[in-house]
Amino acid sequence: MPVVRIDMFEGRDRETKEELVKSITAEMVRITGCGAASVNVIINNITKDDWGLGGELASSKFPD
């Protein structure tokens, strides 16, 4: 049972996440030979205030 965890900044729409899950699942099946039903993709949406890069919050480095 492969588990793929994706941490990314929040803000993507449902359609984008659906495409990401579909593509990741297809590649796991292609590369590992497992069944699509066994692939789990977990998306963690993280705010820029909760992500640090190089000693700074991402919200400071990448303001909206």
PDB file of N, CA and C in Angstrom:
ATOM      1  N   MET A   1       0.850  -1.181   0.000  1.00  0.00           N
ATOM      2  CA  MET A   1       0.000   0.000   0.000  1.00  0.00           C
ATOM      3  C   MET A   1       0.888   1.233   0.000  1.00  0.00           C
ATOM      4  N   PRO A   2       1.243   1.757  -1.170  1.00  0.00           N
ATOM      5  CA  PRO A   2       2.054   2.970  -1.212  1.00  0.00           C
ATOM      6  C   PRO A   2       1.289   4.174  -0.666  1.00  0.00           C
ATOM      7  N   VAL A   3       1.997   5.007   0.080  1.00  0.00           N
ATOM      8  CA  VAL A   3       1.443   6.258   0.586  1.00  0.00           C
ATOM      9  C   VAL A   3       2.348   7.389   0.103  1.00  0.00           C
ATOM     10  N   VAL A   4       1.762   8.339  -0.596  1.00  0.00           N
ATOM     11  CA  VAL A   4       2.493   9.500  -1.083  1.00  0.00           C
ATOM     12  C   VAL A   4       1.966  10.705  -0.318  1.00  0.00           C
ATOM     13  N   ARG A   5       2.856  11.400   0.359  1.00  0.00           N
ATOM     14  CA  ARG A   5       2.469  12.602   1.116  1.00  0.00           C
ATOM     15  C   ARG A   5       3.030  13.822   0.406  1.00  0.00           C
ATOM     16  N   ILE A   6       2.167  14.798   0.193  1.00  0.00           N
ATOM     17  CA  ILE A   6       2.552  16.024  -0.493  1.00  0.00           C
ATOM     18  C   ILE A   6       2.279  17.187   0.445  1.00  0.00           C
ATOM     19  N   ASP A   7       3.326  17.924   0.792  1.00  0.00           N
ATOM     20  CA  ASP A   7       3.189  19.148   1.577  1.00  0.00           C
ATOM     21  C   ASP A   7       3.347  20.314   0.619  1.00  0.00           C
ATOM     22  N   MET A   8       2.367  21.199   0.603  1.00  0.00           N
ATOM     23  CA  MET A   8       2.444  22.361  -0.284  1.00  0.00           C
ATOM     24  C   MET A   8       1.644  23.504   0.309  1.00  0.00           C
ATOM     25  N   PHE A   9       1.949  24.698  -0.180  1.00  0.00           N
ATOM     26  CA  PHE A   9       1.202  25.856   0.276  1.00  0.00           C
ATOM     27  C   PHE A   9      -0.262  25.703  -0.103  1.00  0.00           C
ATOM     28  N   GLU A  10      -1.126  26.170   0.783  1.00  0.00           N
ATOM     29  CA  GLU A  10      -2.560  26.120   0.503  1.00  0.00           C
ATOM     30  C   GLU A  10      -2.914  27.060  -0.638  1.00  0.00           C
ATOM     31  N   GLY A  11      -4.098  26.855  -1.197  1.00  0.00           N
ATOM     32  CA  GLY A  11      -4.597  27.788  -2.198  1.00  0.00           C
ATOM     33  C   GLY A  11      -4.933  27.171  -3.541  1.00  0.00           C
ATOM     34  N   ARG A  12      -4.581  25.901  -3.749  1.00  0.00           N
ATOM     35  CA  ARG A  12      -4.931  25.286  -5.034  1.00  0.00           C
ATOM     36  C   ARG A  12      -6.391  24.851  -5.018  1.00  0.00           C
ATOM     37  N   ASP A  13      -7.028  24.905  -6.174  1.00  0.00           N
ATOM     38  CA  ASP A  13      -8.437  24.536  -6.243  1.00  0.00           C
ATOM     39  C   ASP A  13      -8.599  23.013  -6.333  1.00  0.00           C
ATOM     40  N   ARG A  14      -9.822  22.579  -6.178  1.00  0.00           N
ATOM     41  CA  ARG A  14     -10.141  21.154  -6.166  1.00  0.00           C
ATOM     42  C   ARG A  14      -9.709  20.454  -7.457  1.00  0.00           C
ATOM     43  N   GLU A  15      -9.946  21.099  -8.598  1.00  0.00           N
ATOM     44  CA  GLU A  15      -9.595  20.492  -9.878  1.00  0.00           C
ATOM     45  C   GLU A  15      -8.088  20.238  -9.980  1.00  0.00           C
ATOM     46  N   THR A  16      -7.283  21.160  -9.504  1.00  0.00           N
ATOM     47  CA  THR A  16      -5.832  20.999  -9.521  1.00  0.00           C
ATOM     48  C   THR A  16      -5.416  19.819  -8.646  1.00  0.00           C
ATOM     49  N   LYS A  17      -6.015  19.719  -7.468  1.00  0.00           N
ATOM     50  CA  LYS A  17      -5.690  18.604  -6.568  1.00  0.00           C
ATOM     51  C   LYS A  17      -6.135  17.271  -7.162  1.00  0.00           C
ATOM     52  N   GLU A  18      -7.294  17.251  -7.806  1.00  0.00           N
ATOM     53  CA  GLU A  18      -7.760  16.020  -8.449  1.00  0.00           C
ATOM     54  C   GLU A  18      -6.795  15.573  -9.534  1.00  0.00           C
ATOM     55  N   GLU A  19      -6.314  16.517 -10.341  1.00  0.00           N
ATOM     56  CA  GLU A  19      -5.346  16.188 -11.391  1.00  0.00           C
ATOM     57  C   GLU A  19      -4.043  15.679 -10.796  1.00  0.00           C
ATOM     58  N   LEU A  20      -3.594  16.301  -9.713  1.00  0.00           N
ATOM     59  CA  LEU A  20      -2.369  15.874  -9.040  1.00  0.00           C
ATOM     60  C   LEU A  20      -2.506  14.452  -8.514  1.00  0.00           C
ATOM     61  N   VAL A  21      -3.605  14.158  -7.827  1.00  0.00           N
ATOM     62  CA  VAL A  21      -3.839  12.813  -7.284  1.00  0.00           C
ATOM     63  C   VAL A  21      -3.918  11.781  -8.403  1.00  0.00           C
ATOM     64  N   LYS A  22      -4.607  12.106  -9.474  1.00  0.00           N
ATOM     65  CA  LYS A  22      -4.737  11.186 -10.611  1.00  0.00           C
ATOM     66  C   LYS A  22      -3.363  10.899 -11.231  1.00  0.00           C
ATOM     67  N   SER A  23      -2.571  11.935 -11.434  1.00  0.00           N
ATOM     68  CA  SER A  23      -1.257  11.777 -12.059  1.00  0.00           C
ATOM     69  C   SER A  23      -0.284  11.009 -11.172  1.00  0.00           C
ATOM     70  N   ILE A  24      -0.255  11.340  -9.892  1.00  0.00           N
ATOM     71  CA  ILE A  24       0.634  10.642  -8.955  1.00  0.00           C
ATOM     72  C   ILE A  24       0.253   9.171  -8.879  1.00  0.00           C
ATOM     73  N   THR A  25      -1.040   8.900  -8.812  1.00  0.00           N
ATOM     74  CA  THR A  25      -1.514   7.512  -8.752  1.00  0.00           C
ATOM     75  C   THR A  25      -1.100   6.749 -10.003  1.00  0.00           C
ATOM     76  N   ALA A  26      -1.300   7.341 -11.166  1.00  0.00           N
ATOM     77  CA  ALA A  26      -0.944   6.679 -12.436  1.00  0.00           C
ATOM     78  C   ALA A  26       0.552   6.368 -12.492  1.00  0.00           C
ATOM     79  N   GLU A  27       1.376   7.288 -12.038  1.00  0.00           N
ATOM     80  CA  GLU A  27       2.828   7.062 -12.064  1.00  0.00           C
ATOM     81  C   GLU A  27       3.256   5.990 -11.063  1.00  0.00           C
ATOM     82  N   MET A  28       2.629   5.954  -9.907  1.00  0.00           N
ATOM     83  CA  MET A  28       2.935   4.893  -8.936  1.00  0.00           C
ATOM     84  C   MET A  28       2.589   3.526  -9.518  1.00  0.00           C
ATOM     85  N   VAL A  29       1.447   3.440 -10.177  1.00  0.00           N
ATOM     86  CA  VAL A  29       1.026   2.185 -10.812  1.00  0.00           C
ATOM     87  C   VAL A  29       2.009   1.804 -11.909  1.00  0.00           C
ATOM     88  N   ARG A  30       2.378   2.761 -12.748  1.00  0.00           N
ATOM     89  CA  ARG A  30       3.299   2.493 -13.859  1.00  0.00           C
ATOM     90  C   ARG A  30       4.669   2.039 -13.354  1.00  0.00           C
ATOM     91  N   ILE A  31       5.197   2.718 -12.369  1.00  0.00           N
ATOM     92  CA  ILE A  31       6.560   2.449 -11.913  1.00  0.00           C
ATOM     93  C   ILE A  31       6.649   1.230 -10.999  1.00  0.00           C
ATOM     94  N   THR A  32       5.685   1.090 -10.083  1.00  0.00           N
ATOM     95  CA  THR A  32       5.779   0.007  -9.099  1.00  0.00           C
ATOM     96  C   THR A  32       4.982  -1.233  -9.460  1.00  0.00           C
ATOM     97  N   GLY A  33       4.005  -1.092 -10.366  1.00  0.00           N
ATOM     98  CA  GLY A  33       3.179  -2.232 -10.742  1.00  0.00           C
ATOM     99  C   GLY A  33       2.060  -2.536  -9.764  1.00  0.00           C
ATOM    100  N   CYS A  34       1.855  -1.678  -8.779  1.00  0.00           N
ATOM    101  CA  CYS A  34       0.764  -1.900  -7.817  1.00  0.00           C
ATOM    102  C   CYS A  34      -0.563  -1.525  -8.455  1.00  0.00           C
ATOM    103  N   GLY A  35      -1.653  -1.877  -7.821  1.00  0.00           N
ATOM    104  CA  GLY A  35      -2.974  -1.499  -8.305  1.00  0.00           C
ATOM    105  C   GLY A  35      -3.325  -0.082  -7.878  1.00  0.00           C
ATOM    106  N   ALA A  36      -4.066   0.611  -8.705  1.00  0.00           N
ATOM    107  CA  ALA A  36      -4.443   1.998  -8.398  1.00  0.00           C
ATOM    108  C   ALA A  36      -5.209   2.107  -7.087  1.00  0.00           C
ATOM    109  N   ALA A  37      -6.011   1.110  -6.783  1.00  0.00           N
ATOM    110  CA  ALA A  37      -6.814   1.157  -5.555  1.00  0.00           C
ATOM    111  C   ALA A  37      -5.958   1.118  -4.293  1.00  0.00           C
ATOM    112  N   SER A  38      -4.716   0.677  -4.419  1.00  0.00           N
ATOM    113  CA  SER A  38      -3.856   0.587  -3.234  1.00  0.00           C
ATOM    114  C   SER A  38      -3.045   1.855  -2.995  1.00  0.00           C
ATOM    115  N   VAL A  39      -3.065   2.794  -3.928  1.00  0.00           N
ATOM    116  CA  VAL A  39      -2.265   4.014  -3.807  1.00  0.00           C
ATOM    117  C   VAL A  39      -3.036   5.055  -2.995  1.00  0.00           C
ATOM    118  N   ASN A  40      -2.380   5.567  -1.964  1.00  0.00           N
ATOM    119  CA  ASN A  40      -2.949   6.619  -1.129  1.00  0.00           C
ATOM    120  C   ASN A  40      -2.136   7.889  -1.341  1.00  0.00           C
ATOM    121  N   VAL A  41      -2.810   8.983  -1.659  1.00  0.00           N
ATOM    122  CA  VAL A  41      -2.152  10.276  -1.809  1.00  0.00           C
ATOM    123  C   VAL A  41      -2.750  11.211  -0.767  1.00  0.00           C
ATOM    124  N   ILE A  42      -1.886  11.758   0.074  1.00  0.00           N
ATOM    125  CA  ILE A  42      -2.325  12.655   1.143  1.00  0.00           C
ATOM    126  C   ILE A  42      -1.744  14.029   0.867  1.00  0.00           C
ATOM    127  N   ILE A  43      -2.609  15.022   0.734  1.00  0.00           N
ATOM    128  CA  ILE A  43      -2.176  16.390   0.490  1.00  0.00           C
ATOM    129  C   ILE A  43      -2.320  17.180   1.787  1.00  0.00           C
ATOM    130  N   ASN A  44      -1.211  17.725   2.244  1.00  0.00           N
ATOM    131  CA  ASN A  44      -1.209  18.596   3.414  1.00  0.00           C
ATOM    132  C   ASN A  44      -1.076  20.034   2.931  1.00  0.00           C
ATOM    133  N   ASN A  45      -2.125  20.808   3.115  1.00  0.00           N
ATOM    134  CA  ASN A  45      -2.104  22.220   2.753  1.00  0.00           C
ATOM    135  C   ASN A  45      -1.586  23.010   3.952  1.00  0.00           C
ATOM    136  N   ILE A  46      -0.513  23.738   3.731  1.00  0.00           N
ATOM    137  CA  ILE A  46       0.149  24.448   4.821  1.00  0.00           C
ATOM    138  C   ILE A  46       0.149  25.939   4.507  1.00  0.00           C
ATOM    139  N   THR A  47      -0.174  26.739   5.491  1.00  0.00           N
ATOM    140  CA  THR A  47      -0.136  28.187   5.288  1.00  0.00           C
ATOM    141  C   THR A  47       1.314  28.651   5.220  1.00  0.00           C
ATOM    142  N   LYS A  48       1.527  29.759   4.546  1.00  0.00           N
ATOM    143  CA  LYS A  48       2.877  30.311   4.450  1.00  0.00           C
ATOM    144  C   LYS A  48       3.395  30.769   5.818  1.00  0.00           C
ATOM    145  N   ASP A  49       2.483  31.067   6.749  1.00  0.00           N
ATOM    146  CA  ASP A  49       2.889  31.426   8.105  1.00  0.00           C
ATOM    147  C   ASP A  49       3.387  30.221   8.898  1.00  0.00           C
ATOM    148  N   ASP A  50       3.106  29.013   8.409  1.00  0.00           N
ATOM    149  CA  ASP A  50       3.506  27.785   9.094  1.00  0.00           C
ATOM    150  C   ASP A  50       4.646  27.061   8.380  1.00  0.00           C
ATOM    151  N   TRP A  51       5.345  27.748   7.466  1.00  0.00           N
ATOM    152  CA  TRP A  51       6.414  27.124   6.688  1.00  0.00           C
ATOM    153  C   TRP A  51       7.623  28.045   6.748  1.00  0.00           C
ATOM    154  N   GLY A  52       8.746  27.520   7.209  1.00  0.00           N
ATOM    155  CA  GLY A  52       9.966  28.319   7.285  1.00  0.00           C
ATOM    156  C   GLY A  52      10.967  27.922   6.214  1.00  0.00           C
ATOM    157  N   LEU A  53      11.634  28.909   5.645  1.00  0.00           N
ATOM    158  CA  LEU A  53      12.662  28.697   4.621  1.00  0.00           C
ATOM    159  C   LEU A  53      13.850  29.595   4.937  1.00  0.00           C
ATOM    160  N   GLY A  54      15.008  29.007   5.137  1.00  0.00           N
ATOM    161  CA  GLY A  54      16.202  29.810   5.354  1.00  0.00           C
ATOM    162  C   GLY A  54      16.111  30.765   6.524  1.00  0.00           C
ATOM    163  N   GLY A  55      15.419  30.371   7.568  1.00  0.00           N
ATOM    164  CA  GLY A  55      15.305  31.199   8.756  1.00  0.00           C
ATOM    165  C   GLY A  55      14.210  32.242   8.716  1.00  0.00           C
ATOM    166  N   GLU A  56      13.404  32.228   7.684  1.00  0.00           N
ATOM    167  CA  GLU A  56      12.293  33.168   7.560  1.00  0.00           C
ATOM    168  C   GLU A  56      11.003  32.425   7.261  1.00  0.00           C
ATOM    169  N   LEU A  57       9.892  33.031   7.650  1.00  0.00           N
ATOM    170  CA  LEU A  57       8.612  32.466   7.268  1.00  0.00           C
ATOM    171  C   LEU A  57       8.404  32.654   5.769  1.00  0.00           C
ATOM    172  N   ALA A  58       7.792  31.667   5.156  1.00  0.00           N
ATOM    173  CA  ALA A  58       7.510  31.751   3.714  1.00  0.00           C
ATOM    174  C   ALA A  58       6.626  32.945   3.408  1.00  0.00           C
ATOM    175  N   SER A  59       5.788  33.331   4.342  1.00  0.00           N
ATOM    176  CA  SER A  59       4.921  34.496   4.117  1.00  0.00           C
ATOM    177  C   SER A  59       5.727  35.780   3.979  1.00  0.00           C
ATOM    178  N   SER A  60       6.909  35.830   4.578  1.00  0.00           N
ATOM    179  CA  SER A  60       7.782  36.994   4.405  1.00  0.00           C
ATOM    180  C   SER A  60       8.528  36.935   3.077  1.00  0.00           C
ATOM    181  N   LYS A  61       8.943  35.738   2.694  1.00  0.00           N
ATOM    182  CA  LYS A  61       9.687  35.569   1.439  1.00  0.00           C
ATOM    183  C   LYS A  61       8.789  35.656   0.214  1.00  0.00           C
ATOM    184  N   PHE A  62       7.576  35.163   0.359  1.00  0.00           N
ATOM    185  CA  PHE A  62       6.649  35.084  -0.769  1.00  0.00           C
ATOM    186  C   PHE A  62       5.304  35.706  -0.406  1.00  0.00           C
ATOM    187  N   PRO A  63       5.273  37.012  -0.190  1.00  0.00           N
ATOM    188  CA  PRO A  63       3.982  37.644   0.159  1.00  0.00           C
ATOM    189  C   PRO A  63       3.027  37.563  -1.033  1.00  0.00           C
ATOM    190  N   ASP A  64       1.774  37.475  -0.735  1.00  0.00           N
ATOM    191  CA  ASP A  64       0.765  37.398  -1.802  1.00  0.00           C
ATOM    192  C   ASP A  64       0.608  38.695  -2.514  1.00  0.00           C
TER     193      ASP A  64
END
